[in-house]
Amino acid sequence: LRDTLTRDGDEYFVITGDIPAMWLRDSTTQLWPYLRMLGGSRELADVV
């Protein structure tokens, strides 16, 4: 959450880690653990 996501208006750009690009696949799977938390956090739901 701290180091891979960069806010751009109402969007978020997600790097894979040590490569400065956003993969459609990786940016999905990077968020997988947080999906169980969305019901309890509007802020996290906004990030996704």
All heavy atoms as atom14 arrays in JSON, in Angstrom:
{
  "sequence": "LRDTLTRDGDEYFVITGDIPAMWLRDSTTQLWPYLRMLGGSRELADVV",
  "atom14_mask": [
    [1, 1, 1, 1, 1, 1, 1, 1, 0, 0, 0, 0, 0, 0],
    [1, 1, 1, 1, 1, 1, 1, 1, 1, 1, 1, 0, 0, 0],
    [1, 1, 1, 1, 1, 1, 1, 1, 0, 0, 0, 0, 0, 0],
    [1, 1, 1, 1, 1, 1, 1, 0, 0, 0, 0, 0, 0, 0],
    [1, 1, 1, 1, 1, 1, 1, 1, 0, 0, 0, 0, 0, 0],
    [1, 1, 1, 1, 1, 1, 1, 0, 0, 0, 0, 0, 0, 0],
    [1, 1, 1, 1, 1, 1, 1, 1, 1, 1, 1, 0, 0, 0],
    [1, 1, 1, 1, 1, 1, 1, 1, 0, 0, 0, 0, 0, 0],
    [1, 1, 1, 1, 0, 0, 0, 0, 0, 0, 0, 0, 0, 0],
    [1, 1, 1, 1, 1, 1, 1, 1, 0, 0, 0, 0, 0, 0],
    [1, 1, 1, 1, 1, 1, 1, 1, 1, 0, 0, 0, 0, 0],
    [1, 1, 1, 1, 1, 1, 1, 1, 1, 1, 1, 1, 0, 0],
    [1, 1, 1, 1, 1, 1, 1, 1, 1, 1, 1, 0, 0, 0],
    [1, 1, 1, 1, 1, 1, 1, 0, 0, 0, 0, 0, 0, 0],
    [1, 1, 1, 1, 1, 1, 1, 1, 0, 0, 0, 0, 0, 0],
    [1, 1, 1, 1, 1, 1, 1, 0, 0, 0, 0, 0, 0, 0],
    [1, 1, 1, 1, 0, 0, 0, 0, 0, 0, 0, 0, 0, 0],
    [1, 1, 1, 1, 1, 1, 1, 1, 0, 0, 0, 0, 0, 0],
    [1, 1, 1, 1, 1, 1, 1, 1, 0, 0, 0, 0, 0, 0],
    [1, 1, 1, 1, 1, 1, 1, 0, 0, 0, 0, 0, 0, 0],
    [1, 1, 1, 1, 1, 0, 0, 0, 0, 0, 0, 0, 0, 0],
    [1, 1, 1, 1, 1, 1, 1, 1, 0, 0, 0, 0, 0, 0],
    [1, 1, 1, 1, 1, 1, 1, 1, 1, 1, 1, 1, 1, 1],
    [1, 1, 1, 1, 1, 1, 1, 1, 0, 0, 0, 0, 0, 0],
    [1, 1, 1, 1, 1, 1, 1, 1, 1, 1, 1, 0, 0, 0],
    [1, 1, 1, 1, 1, 1, 1, 1, 0, 0, 0, 0, 0, 0],
    [1, 1, 1, 1, 1, 1, 0, 0, 0, 0, 0, 0, 0, 0],
    [1, 1, 1, 1, 1, 1, 1, 0, 0, 0, 0, 0, 0, 0],
    [1, 1, 1, 1, 1, 1, 1, 0, 0, 0, 0, 0, 0, 0],
    [1, 1, 1, 1, 1, 1, 1, 1, 1, 0, 0, 0, 0, 0],
    [1, 1, 1, 1, 1, 1, 1, 1, 0, 0, 0, 0, 0, 0],
    [1, 1, 1, 1, 1, 1, 1, 1, 1, 1, 1, 1, 1, 1],
    [1, 1, 1, 1, 1, 1, 1, 0, 0, 0, 0, 0, 0, 0],
    [1, 1, 1, 1, 1, 1, 1, 1, 1, 1, 1, 1, 0, 0],
    [1, 1, 1, 1, 1, 1, 1, 1, 0, 0, 0, 0, 0, 0],
    [1, 1, 1, 1, 1, 1, 1, 1, 1, 1, 1, 0, 0, 0],
    [1, 1, 1, 1, 1, 1, 1, 1, 0, 0, 0, 0, 0, 0],
    [1, 1, 1, 1, 1, 1, 1, 1, 0, 0, 0, 0, 0, 0],
    [1, 1, 1, 1, 0, 0, 0, 0, 0, 0, 0, 0, 0, 0],
    [1, 1, 1, 1, 0, 0, 0, 0, 0, 0, 0, 0, 0, 0],
    [1, 1, 1, 1, 1, 1, 0, 0, 0, 0, 0, 0, 0, 0],
    [1, 1, 1, 1, 1, 1, 1, 1, 1, 1, 1, 0, 0, 0],
    [1, 1, 1, 1, 1, 1, 1, 1, 1, 0, 0, 0, 0, 0],
    [1, 1, 1, 1, 1, 1, 1, 1, 0, 0, 0, 0, 0, 0],
    [1, 1, 1, 1, 1, 0, 0, 0, 0, 0, 0, 0, 0, 0],
    [1, 1, 1, 1, 1, 1, 1, 1, 0, 0, 0, 0, 0, 0],
    [1, 1, 1, 1, 1, 1, 1, 0, 0, 0, 0, 0, 0, 0],
    [1, 1, 1, 1, 1, 1, 1, 0, 0, 0, 0, 0, 0, 0]
  ],
  "atom14_positions": [
    [[0.82, -1.21, 0.0], [0.0, 0.0, 0.0], [0.85, 1.27, 0.0], [0.51, 2.27, -0.63], [-0.93, 0.0, 1.21], [-2.02, -1.08, 1.24], [-2.81, -0.99, 2.55], [-2.96, -0.95, 0.05], [0.0, 0.0, 0.0], [0.0, 0.0, 0.0], [0.0, 0.0, 0.0], [0.0, 0.0, 0.0], [0.0, 0.0, 0.0], [0.0, 0.0, 0.0]],
    [[1.97, 1.21, 0.69], [2.8, 2.41, 0.86], [3.7, 2.67, -0.34], [3.87, 3.83, -0.76], [3.66, 2.24, 2.11], [4.55, 3.43, 2.44], [5.49, 3.12, 3.6], [6.43, 2.07, 3.27], [6.56, 0.93, 3.96], [5.79, 0.67, 5.0], [7.46, 0.03, 3.58], [0.0, 0.0, 0.0], [0.0, 0.0, 0.0], [0.0, 0.0, 0.0]],
    [[4.28, 1.61, -0.91], [5.38, 1.78, -1.85], [5.07, 1.43, -3.31], [5.86, 1.77, -4.19], [6.59, 0.94, -1.41], [7.13, 1.38, -0.05], [6.86, 2.54, 0.34], [7.8, 0.57, 0.61], [0.0, 0.0, 0.0], [0.0, 0.0, 0.0], [0.0, 0.0, 0.0], [0.0, 0.0, 0.0], [0.0, 0.0, 0.0], [0.0, 0.0, 0.0]],
    [[3.96, 0.72, -3.57], [3.68, 0.35, -4.96], [2.6, 1.2, -5.6], [2.49, 1.22, -6.83], [3.27, -1.13, -5.09], [1.97, -1.34, -4.53], [4.28, -2.04, -4.4], [0.0, 0.0, 0.0], [0.0, 0.0, 0.0], [0.0, 0.0, 0.0], [0.0, 0.0, 0.0], [0.0, 0.0, 0.0], [0.0, 0.0, 0.0], [0.0, 0.0, 0.0]],
    [[1.78, 1.88, -4.81], [0.66, 2.64, -5.35], [0.95, 4.13, -5.37], [1.43, 4.71, -4.39], [-0.61, 2.4, -4.52], [-1.23, 1.01, -4.64], [-0.91, 0.2, -3.39], [-2.74, 1.11, -4.8], [0.0, 0.0, 0.0], [0.0, 0.0, 0.0], [0.0, 0.0, 0.0], [0.0, 0.0, 0.0], [0.0, 0.0, 0.0], [0.0, 0.0, 0.0]],
    [[0.64, 4.76, -6.5], [0.75, 6.21, -6.64], [-0.59, 6.74, -7.1], [-1.13, 6.3, -8.13], [1.83, 6.59, -7.66], [3.09, 6.07, -7.23], [1.92, 8.1, -7.8], [0.0, 0.0, 0.0], [0.0, 0.0, 0.0], [0.0, 0.0, 0.0], [0.0, 0.0, 0.0], [0.0, 0.0, 0.0], [0.0, 0.0, 0.0], [0.0, 0.0, 0.0]],
    [[-1.13, 7.69, -6.36], [-2.44, 8.25, -6.72], [-2.3, 9.23, -7.87], [-1.37, 10.03, -7.94], [-3.06, 8.95, -5.52], [-4.49, 9.42, -5.78], [-5.17, 9.86, -4.51], [-6.56, 10.24, -4.76], [-7.44, 10.53, -3.81], [-7.08, 10.46, -2.53], [-8.68, 10.86, -4.13], [0.0, 0.0, 0.0], [0.0, 0.0, 0.0], [0.0, 0.0, 0.0]],
    [[-3.26, 9.15, -8.8], [-3.31, 10.04, -9.95], [-4.78, 10.43, -10.15], [-5.51, 9.75, -10.87], [-2.75, 9.35, -11.18], [-2.72, 10.25, -12.41], [-3.0, 11.46, -12.27], [-2.45, 9.74, -13.52], [0.0, 0.0, 0.0], [0.0, 0.0, 0.0], [0.0, 0.0, 0.0], [0.0, 0.0, 0.0], [0.0, 0.0, 0.0], [0.0, 0.0, 0.0]],
    [[-5.21, 11.48, -9.49], [-6.63, 11.86, -9.52], [-7.46, 10.81, -8.81], [-7.21, 10.48, -7.65], [0.0, 0.0, 0.0], [0.0, 0.0, 0.0], [0.0, 0.0, 0.0], [0.0, 0.0, 0.0], [0.0, 0.0, 0.0], [0.0, 0.0, 0.0], [0.0, 0.0, 0.0], [0.0, 0.0, 0.0], [0.0, 0.0, 0.0], [0.0, 0.0, 0.0]],
    [[-8.43, 10.24, -9.51], [-9.24, 9.18, -8.91], [-8.75, 7.8, -9.31], [-9.47, 6.81, -9.16], [-10.73, 9.34, -9.27], [-10.99, 9.18, -10.77], [-10.02, 9.13, -11.56], [-12.17, 9.11, -11.15], [0.0, 0.0, 0.0], [0.0, 0.0, 0.0], [0.0, 0.0, 0.0], [0.0, 0.0, 0.0], [0.0, 0.0, 0.0], [0.0, 0.0, 0.0]],
    [[-7.51, 7.72, -9.8], [-6.91, 6.45, -10.2], [-5.67, 6.17, -9.37], [-5.1, 7.07, -8.73], [-6.53, 6.48, -11.69], [-7.7, 6.7, -12.62], [-7.29, 6.82, -14.07], [-6.06, 6.74, -14.37], [-8.17, 7.0, -14.91], [0.0, 0.0, 0.0], [0.0, 0.0, 0.0], [0.0, 0.0, 0.0], [0.0, 0.0, 0.0], [0.0, 0.0, 0.0]],
    [[-5.23, 4.91, -9.41], [-3.97, 4.52, -8.78], [-3.13, 3.74, -9.78], [-3.63, 2.81, -10.43], [-4.2, 3.65, -7.54], [-4.55, 4.44, -6.3], [-5.87, 4.73, -6.0], [-3.56, 4.89, -5.42], [-6.21, 5.45, -4.86], [-3.88, 5.6, -4.29], [-5.21, 5.88, -4.01], [-5.54, 6.6, -2.89], [0.0, 0.0, 0.0], [0.0, 0.0, 0.0]],
    [[-1.88, 4.14, -9.89], [-0.9, 3.42, -10.7], [-0.14, 2.5, -9.77], [0.26, 2.9, -8.66], [0.05, 4.41, -11.38], [1.01, 3.78, -12.35], [0.63, 3.54, -13.65], [2.29, 3.42, -11.95], [1.52, 2.95, -14.56], [3.18, 2.85, -12.84], [2.79, 2.62, -14.16], [0.0, 0.0, 0.0], [0.0, 0.0, 0.0], [0.0, 0.0, 0.0]],
    [[0.09, 1.24, -10.18], [0.67, 0.22, -9.3], [1.93, -0.36, -9.96], [1.84, -1.01, -11.0], [-0.33, -0.93, -9.03], [0.22, -1.85, -7.94], [-1.69, -0.38, -8.65], [0.0, 0.0, 0.0], [0.0, 0.0, 0.0], [0.0, 0.0, 0.0], [0.0, 0.0, 0.0], [0.0, 0.0, 0.0], [0.0, 0.0, 0.0], [0.0, 0.0, 0.0]],
    [[3.09, -0.14, -9.35], [4.29, -0.78, -9.85], [4.39, -2.19, -9.29], [3.78, -2.52, -8.27], [5.57, 0.02, -9.53], [5.78, 0.13, -8.01], [5.52, 1.39, -10.17], [7.13, 0.71, -7.62], [0.0, 0.0, 0.0], [0.0, 0.0, 0.0], [0.0, 0.0, 0.0], [0.0, 0.0, 0.0], [0.0, 0.0, 0.0], [0.0, 0.0, 0.0]],
    [[5.19, -3.04, -9.95], [5.29, -4.44, -9.52], [6.25, -4.62, -8.35], [6.31, -5.7, -7.77], [5.82, -5.32, -10.67], [7.17, -4.96, -10.95], [4.98, -5.17, -11.9], [0.0, 0.0, 0.0], [0.0, 0.0, 0.0], [0.0, 0.0, 0.0], [0.0, 0.0, 0.0], [0.0, 0.0, 0.0], [0.0, 0.0, 0.0], [0.0, 0.0, 0.0]],
    [[7.01, -3.62, -8.04], [8.08, -3.71, -7.05], [9.31, -3.06, -7.65], [9.36, -1.84, -7.82], [0.0, 0.0, 0.0], [0.0, 0.0, 0.0], [0.0, 0.0, 0.0], [0.0, 0.0, 0.0], [0.0, 0.0, 0.0], [0.0, 0.0, 0.0], [0.0, 0.0, 0.0], [0.0, 0.0, 0.0], [0.0, 0.0, 0.0], [0.0, 0.0, 0.0]],
    [[10.29, -3.88, -8.04], [11.55, -3.32, -8.53], [11.54, -3.03, -10.03], [12.6, -2.8, -10.61], [12.71, -4.25, -8.16], [12.49, -5.69, -8.59], [11.6, -5.92, -9.43], [13.2, -6.57, -8.09], [0.0, 0.0, 0.0], [0.0, 0.0, 0.0], [0.0, 0.0, 0.0], [0.0, 0.0, 0.0], [0.0, 0.0, 0.0], [0.0, 0.0, 0.0]],
    [[10.38, -3.04, -10.67], [10.24, -2.6, -12.07], [9.21, -1.48, -12.09], [8.11, -1.64, -11.54], [9.79, -3.76, -12.99], [10.81, -4.9, -12.94], [9.62, -3.26, -14.42], [10.42, -6.11, -13.76], [0.0, 0.0, 0.0], [0.0, 0.0, 0.0], [0.0, 0.0, 0.0], [0.0, 0.0, 0.0], [0.0, 0.0, 0.0], [0.0, 0.0, 0.0]],
    [[9.52, -0.33, -12.68], [8.65, 0.85, -12.55], [7.48, 0.89, -13.54], [7.15, 1.93, -14.08], [9.62, 2.0, -12.82], [10.59, 1.43, -13.82], [10.77, -0.01, -13.41], [0.0, 0.0, 0.0], [0.0, 0.0, 0.0], [0.0, 0.0, 0.0], [0.0, 0.0, 0.0], [0.0, 0.0, 0.0], [0.0, 0.0, 0.0], [0.0, 0.0, 0.0]],
    [[6.88, -0.26, -13.8], [5.75, -0.33, -14.74], [4.58, -1.03, -14.06], [4.75, -1.71, -13.04], [6.15, -1.06, -16.01], [0.0, 0.0, 0.0], [0.0, 0.0, 0.0], [0.0, 0.0, 0.0], [0.0, 0.0, 0.0], [0.0, 0.0, 0.0], [0.0, 0.0, 0.0], [0.0, 0.0, 0.0], [0.0, 0.0, 0.0], [0.0, 0.0, 0.0]],
    [[3.39, -0.88, -14.64], [2.17, -1.49, -14.1], [1.71, -2.59, -15.04], [1.37, -2.34, -16.19], [1.07, -0.43, -13.95], [-0.25, -0.98, -13.44], [-1.39, 0.38, -13.02], [-2.91, -0.54, -12.72], [0.0, 0.0, 0.0], [0.0, 0.0, 0.0], [0.0, 0.0, 0.0], [0.0, 0.0, 0.0], [0.0, 0.0, 0.0], [0.0, 0.0, 0.0]],
    [[1.71, -3.81, -14.52], [1.17, -4.96, -15.24], [-0.29, -5.14, -14.87], [-0.67, -5.05, -13.69], [1.94, -6.23, -14.87], [3.05, -6.6, -15.78], [3.06, -7.58, -16.72], [4.37, -6.01, -15.83], [4.28, -7.63, -17.36], [5.1, -6.69, -16.83], [5.0, -4.98, -15.12], [6.42, -6.37, -17.14], [6.29, -4.65, -15.42], [6.99, -5.34, -16.43]],
    [[-1.15, -5.39, -15.85], [-2.56, -5.63, -15.58], [-2.73, -6.84, -14.67], [-3.59, -6.83, -13.77], [-3.32, -5.84, -16.89], [-3.49, -4.58, -17.74], [-3.88, -4.95, -19.17], [-4.53, -3.64, -17.13], [0.0, 0.0, 0.0], [0.0, 0.0, 0.0], [0.0, 0.0, 0.0], [0.0, 0.0, 0.0], [0.0, 0.0, 0.0], [0.0, 0.0, 0.0]],
    [[-1.97, -7.88, -14.89], [-2.05, -9.08, -14.05], [-1.54, -8.81, -12.65], [-2.22, -9.07, -11.66], [-1.23, -10.21, -14.69], [-1.06, -11.44, -13.82], [-0.07, -12.41, -14.43], [1.22, -11.79, -14.67], [1.72, -11.5, -15.88], [1.04, -11.77, -16.96], [2.91, -10.93, -15.99], [0.0, 0.0, 0.0], [0.0, 0.0, 0.0], [0.0, 0.0, 0.0]],
    [[-0.33, -8.31, -12.54], [0.29, -8.13, -11.23], [-0.49, -7.15, -10.37], [-0.64, -7.36, -9.15], [1.73, -7.61, -11.39], [2.66, -8.63, -12.04], [2.18, -9.37, -12.92], [3.84, -8.68, -11.68], [0.0, 0.0, 0.0], [0.0, 0.0, 0.0], [0.0, 0.0, 0.0], [0.0, 0.0, 0.0], [0.0, 0.0, 0.0], [0.0, 0.0, 0.0]],
    [[-0.98, -6.07, -10.97], [-1.71, -5.06, -10.17], [-3.0, -5.64, -9.61], [-3.51, -5.13, -8.62], [-1.99, -3.82, -11.02], [-2.76, -4.13, -12.17], [0.0, 0.0, 0.0], [0.0, 0.0, 0.0], [0.0, 0.0, 0.0], [0.0, 0.0, 0.0], [0.0, 0.0, 0.0], [0.0, 0.0, 0.0], [0.0, 0.0, 0.0], [0.0, 0.0, 0.0]],
    [[-3.52, -6.69, -10.23], [-4.67, -7.39, -9.67], [-4.25, -8.3, -8.53], [-4.79, -8.23, -7.42], [-5.38, -8.23, -10.75], [-5.94, -7.35, -11.73], [-6.49, -9.08, -10.16], [0.0, 0.0, 0.0], [0.0, 0.0, 0.0], [0.0, 0.0, 0.0], [0.0, 0.0, 0.0], [0.0, 0.0, 0.0], [0.0, 0.0, 0.0], [0.0, 0.0, 0.0]],
    [[-3.28, -9.16, -8.78], [-2.89, -10.15, -7.77], [-2.22, -9.49, -6.56], [-2.31, -10.01, -5.45], [-1.96, -11.2, -8.38], [-0.86, -10.54, -9.04], [-2.7, -12.03, -9.4], [0.0, 0.0, 0.0], [0.0, 0.0, 0.0], [0.0, 0.0, 0.0], [0.0, 0.0, 0.0], [0.0, 0.0, 0.0], [0.0, 0.0, 0.0], [0.0, 0.0, 0.0]],
    [[-1.58, -8.34, -6.75], [-1.0, -7.63, -5.62], [-2.08, -7.2, -4.62], [-1.8, -7.03, -3.43], [-0.22, -6.4, -6.12], [1.11, -6.74, -6.77], [1.71, -5.55, -7.5], [1.72, -5.51, -8.73], [2.2, -4.56, -6.77], [0.0, 0.0, 0.0], [0.0, 0.0, 0.0], [0.0, 0.0, 0.0], [0.0, 0.0, 0.0], [0.0, 0.0, 0.0]],
    [[-3.29, -7.0, -5.1], [-4.38, -6.55, -4.23], [-5.2, -7.68, -3.65], [-6.09, -7.45, -2.83], [-5.31, -5.61, -5.02], [-4.69, -4.31, -5.52], [-5.71, -3.52, -6.33], [-4.18, -3.47, -4.35], [0.0, 0.0, 0.0], [0.0, 0.0, 0.0], [0.0, 0.0, 0.0], [0.0, 0.0, 0.0], [0.0, 0.0, 0.0], [0.0, 0.0, 0.0]],
    [[-4.92, -8.9, -4.04], [-5.77, -10.03, -3.66], [-5.98, -10.16, -2.14], [-7.12, -10.35, -1.69], [-5.19, -11.33, -4.23], [-6.25, -12.3, -4.66], [-6.69, -13.39, -3.97], [-7.01, -12.25, -5.86], [-7.68, -14.03, -4.68], [-7.9, -13.34, -5.85], [-7.04, -11.38, -6.96], [-8.79, -13.61, -6.88], [-7.92, -11.64, -7.98], [-8.78, -12.73, -7.94]],
    [[-4.93, -10.06, -1.31], [-5.16, -10.23, 0.14], [-6.08, -9.18, 0.75], [-6.72, -9.44, 1.78], [-3.76, -10.12, 0.74], [-2.82, -10.31, -0.39], [-3.52, -9.82, -1.61], [0.0, 0.0, 0.0], [0.0, 0.0, 0.0], [0.0, 0.0, 0.0], [0.0, 0.0, 0.0], [0.0, 0.0, 0.0], [0.0, 0.0, 0.0], [0.0, 0.0, 0.0]],
    [[-6.17, -8.02, 0.13], [-6.95, -6.91, 0.7], [-8.45, -7.03, 0.39], [-9.26, -6.34, 1.01], [-6.46, -5.57, 0.16], [-4.98, -5.34, 0.34], [-4.1, -5.6, -0.7], [-4.47, -4.88, 1.55], [-2.73, -5.41, -0.55], [-3.1, -4.67, 1.71], [-2.24, -4.94, 0.66], [-0.89, -4.75, 0.82], [0.0, 0.0, 0.0], [0.0, 0.0, 0.0]],
    [[-8.81, -7.91, -0.54], [-10.21, -7.96, -0.96], [-11.12, -8.42, 0.16], [-12.29, -8.04, 0.21], [-10.36, -8.87, -2.19], [-9.57, -8.42, -3.42], [-9.81, -9.36, -4.59], [-9.91, -6.99, -3.8], [0.0, 0.0, 0.0], [0.0, 0.0, 0.0], [0.0, 0.0, 0.0], [0.0, 0.0, 0.0], [0.0, 0.0, 0.0], [0.0, 0.0, 0.0]],
    [[-10.6, -9.23, 1.08], [-11.39, -9.66, 2.24], [-11.64, -8.52, 3.21], [-12.47, -8.64, 4.11], [-10.67, -10.8, 2.96], [-9.27, -10.38, 3.38], [-8.47, -11.42, 4.12], [-8.48, -12.77, 3.65], [-7.77, -13.25, 2.63], [-7.0, -12.41, 1.92], [-7.82, -14.51, 2.29], [0.0, 0.0, 0.0], [0.0, 0.0, 0.0], [0.0, 0.0, 0.0]],
    [[-10.95, -7.4, 3.06], [-11.04, -6.28, 4.0], [-11.92, -5.14, 3.5], [-12.15, -4.16, 4.23], [-9.63, -5.72, 4.27], [-8.6, -6.75, 4.66], [-6.93, -6.02, 4.78], [-5.91, -7.5, 4.91], [0.0, 0.0, 0.0], [0.0, 0.0, 0.0], [0.0, 0.0, 0.0], [0.0, 0.0, 0.0], [0.0, 0.0, 0.0], [0.0, 0.0, 0.0]],
    [[-12.43, -5.23, 2.29], [-13.09, -4.09, 1.67], [-14.38, -3.69, 2.38], [-14.71, -2.5, 2.44], [-13.4, -4.39, 0.19], [-12.19, -4.66, -0.71], [-12.65, -4.84, -2.15], [-11.18, -3.52, -0.61], [0.0, 0.0, 0.0], [0.0, 0.0, 0.0], [0.0, 0.0, 0.0], [0.0, 0.0, 0.0], [0.0, 0.0, 0.0], [0.0, 0.0, 0.0]],
    [[-15.11, -4.67, 2.91], [-16.36, -4.34, 3.57], [-16.19, -3.48, 4.81], [-17.13, -2.78, 5.21], [0.0, 0.0, 0.0], [0.0, 0.0, 0.0], [0.0, 0.0, 0.0], [0.0, 0.0, 0.0], [0.0, 0.0, 0.0], [0.0, 0.0, 0.0], [0.0, 0.0, 0.0], [0.0, 0.0, 0.0], [0.0, 0.0, 0.0], [0.0, 0.0, 0.0]],
    [[-15.0, -3.5, 5.39], [-14.76, -2.74, 6.61], [-13.99, -1.46, 6.4], [-13.64, -0.78, 7.38], [0.0, 0.0, 0.0], [0.0, 0.0, 0.0], [0.0, 0.0, 0.0], [0.0, 0.0, 0.0], [0.0, 0.0, 0.0], [0.0, 0.0, 0.0], [0.0, 0.0, 0.0], [0.0, 0.0, 0.0], [0.0, 0.0, 0.0], [0.0, 0.0, 0.0]],
    [[-13.71, -1.1, 5.17], [-12.9, 0.1, 4.94], [-13.28, 0.78, 3.63], [-12.95, 0.27, 2.55], [-11.41, -0.27, 4.92], [-10.62, 0.84, 4.52], [0.0, 0.0, 0.0], [0.0, 0.0, 0.0], [0.0, 0.0, 0.0], [0.0, 0.0, 0.0], [0.0, 0.0, 0.0], [0.0, 0.0, 0.0], [0.0, 0.0, 0.0], [0.0, 0.0, 0.0]],
    [[-13.94, 1.91, 3.73], [-14.26, 2.68, 2.53], [-12.97, 3.16, 1.85], [-12.88, 3.19, 0.62], [-15.11, 3.88, 2.93], [-15.36, 4.89, 1.81], [-16.44, 4.45, 0.88], [-16.58, 5.33, -0.27], [-17.66, 5.41, -1.03], [-18.72, 4.68, -0.73], [-17.69, 6.21, -2.06], [0.0, 0.0, 0.0], [0.0, 0.0, 0.0], [0.0, 0.0, 0.0]],
    [[-11.98, 3.53, 2.65], [-10.72, 4.03, 2.1], [-10.04, 2.96, 1.24], [-9.57, 3.24, 0.13], [-9.8, 4.48, 3.22], [-8.49, 5.12, 2.73], [-7.58, 5.53, 3.86], [-7.89, 5.2, 5.03], [-6.55, 6.17, 3.58], [0.0, 0.0, 0.0], [0.0, 0.0, 0.0], [0.0, 0.0, 0.0], [0.0, 0.0, 0.0], [0.0, 0.0, 0.0]],
    [[-9.99, 1.73, 1.75], [-9.36, 0.66, 1.0], [-10.17, 0.32, -0.24], [-9.61, 0.06, -1.32], [-9.2, -0.57, 1.89], [-8.38, -1.73, 1.33], [-6.99, -1.28, 0.92], [-8.3, -2.85, 2.37], [0.0, 0.0, 0.0], [0.0, 0.0, 0.0], [0.0, 0.0, 0.0], [0.0, 0.0, 0.0], [0.0, 0.0, 0.0], [0.0, 0.0, 0.0]],
    [[-11.49, 0.35, -0.12], [-12.34, 0.1, -1.29], [-12.12, 1.17, -2.36], [-12.15, 0.88, -3.56], [-13.81, 0.07, -0.87], [0.0, 0.0, 0.0], [0.0, 0.0, 0.0], [0.0, 0.0, 0.0], [0.0, 0.0, 0.0], [0.0, 0.0, 0.0], [0.0, 0.0, 0.0], [0.0, 0.0, 0.0], [0.0, 0.0, 0.0], [0.0, 0.0, 0.0]],
    [[-11.87, 2.41, -1.92], [-11.58, 3.48, -2.88], [-10.26, 3.23, -3.61], [-10.12, 3.56, -4.79], [-11.52, 4.83, -2.15], [-12.89, 5.37, -1.78], [-13.9, 4.86, -2.31], [-12.94, 6.29, -0.94], [0.0, 0.0, 0.0], [0.0, 0.0, 0.0], [0.0, 0.0, 0.0], [0.0, 0.0, 0.0], [0.0, 0.0, 0.0], [0.0, 0.0, 0.0]],
    [[-9.28, 2.7, -2.9], [-7.99, 2.39, -3.53], [-8.18, 1.35, -4.63], [-7.69, 1.53, -5.76], [-6.98, 1.89, -2.48], [-5.73, 1.33, -3.17], [-6.59, 3.02, -1.54], [0.0, 0.0, 0.0], [0.0, 0.0, 0.0], [0.0, 0.0, 0.0], [0.0, 0.0, 0.0], [0.0, 0.0, 0.0], [0.0, 0.0, 0.0], [0.0, 0.0, 0.0]],
    [[-8.89, 0.28, -4.33], [-9.12, -0.76, -5.34], [-9.91, -0.19, -6.51], [-9.63, -0.49, -7.68], [-9.82, -1.97, -4.72], [-10.11, -3.03, -5.79], [-8.97, -2.58, -3.61], [0.0, 0.0, 0.0], [0.0, 0.0, 0.0], [0.0, 0.0, 0.0], [0.0, 0.0, 0.0], [0.0, 0.0, 0.0], [0.0, 0.0, 0.0], [0.0, 0.0, 0.0]]
  ]
}
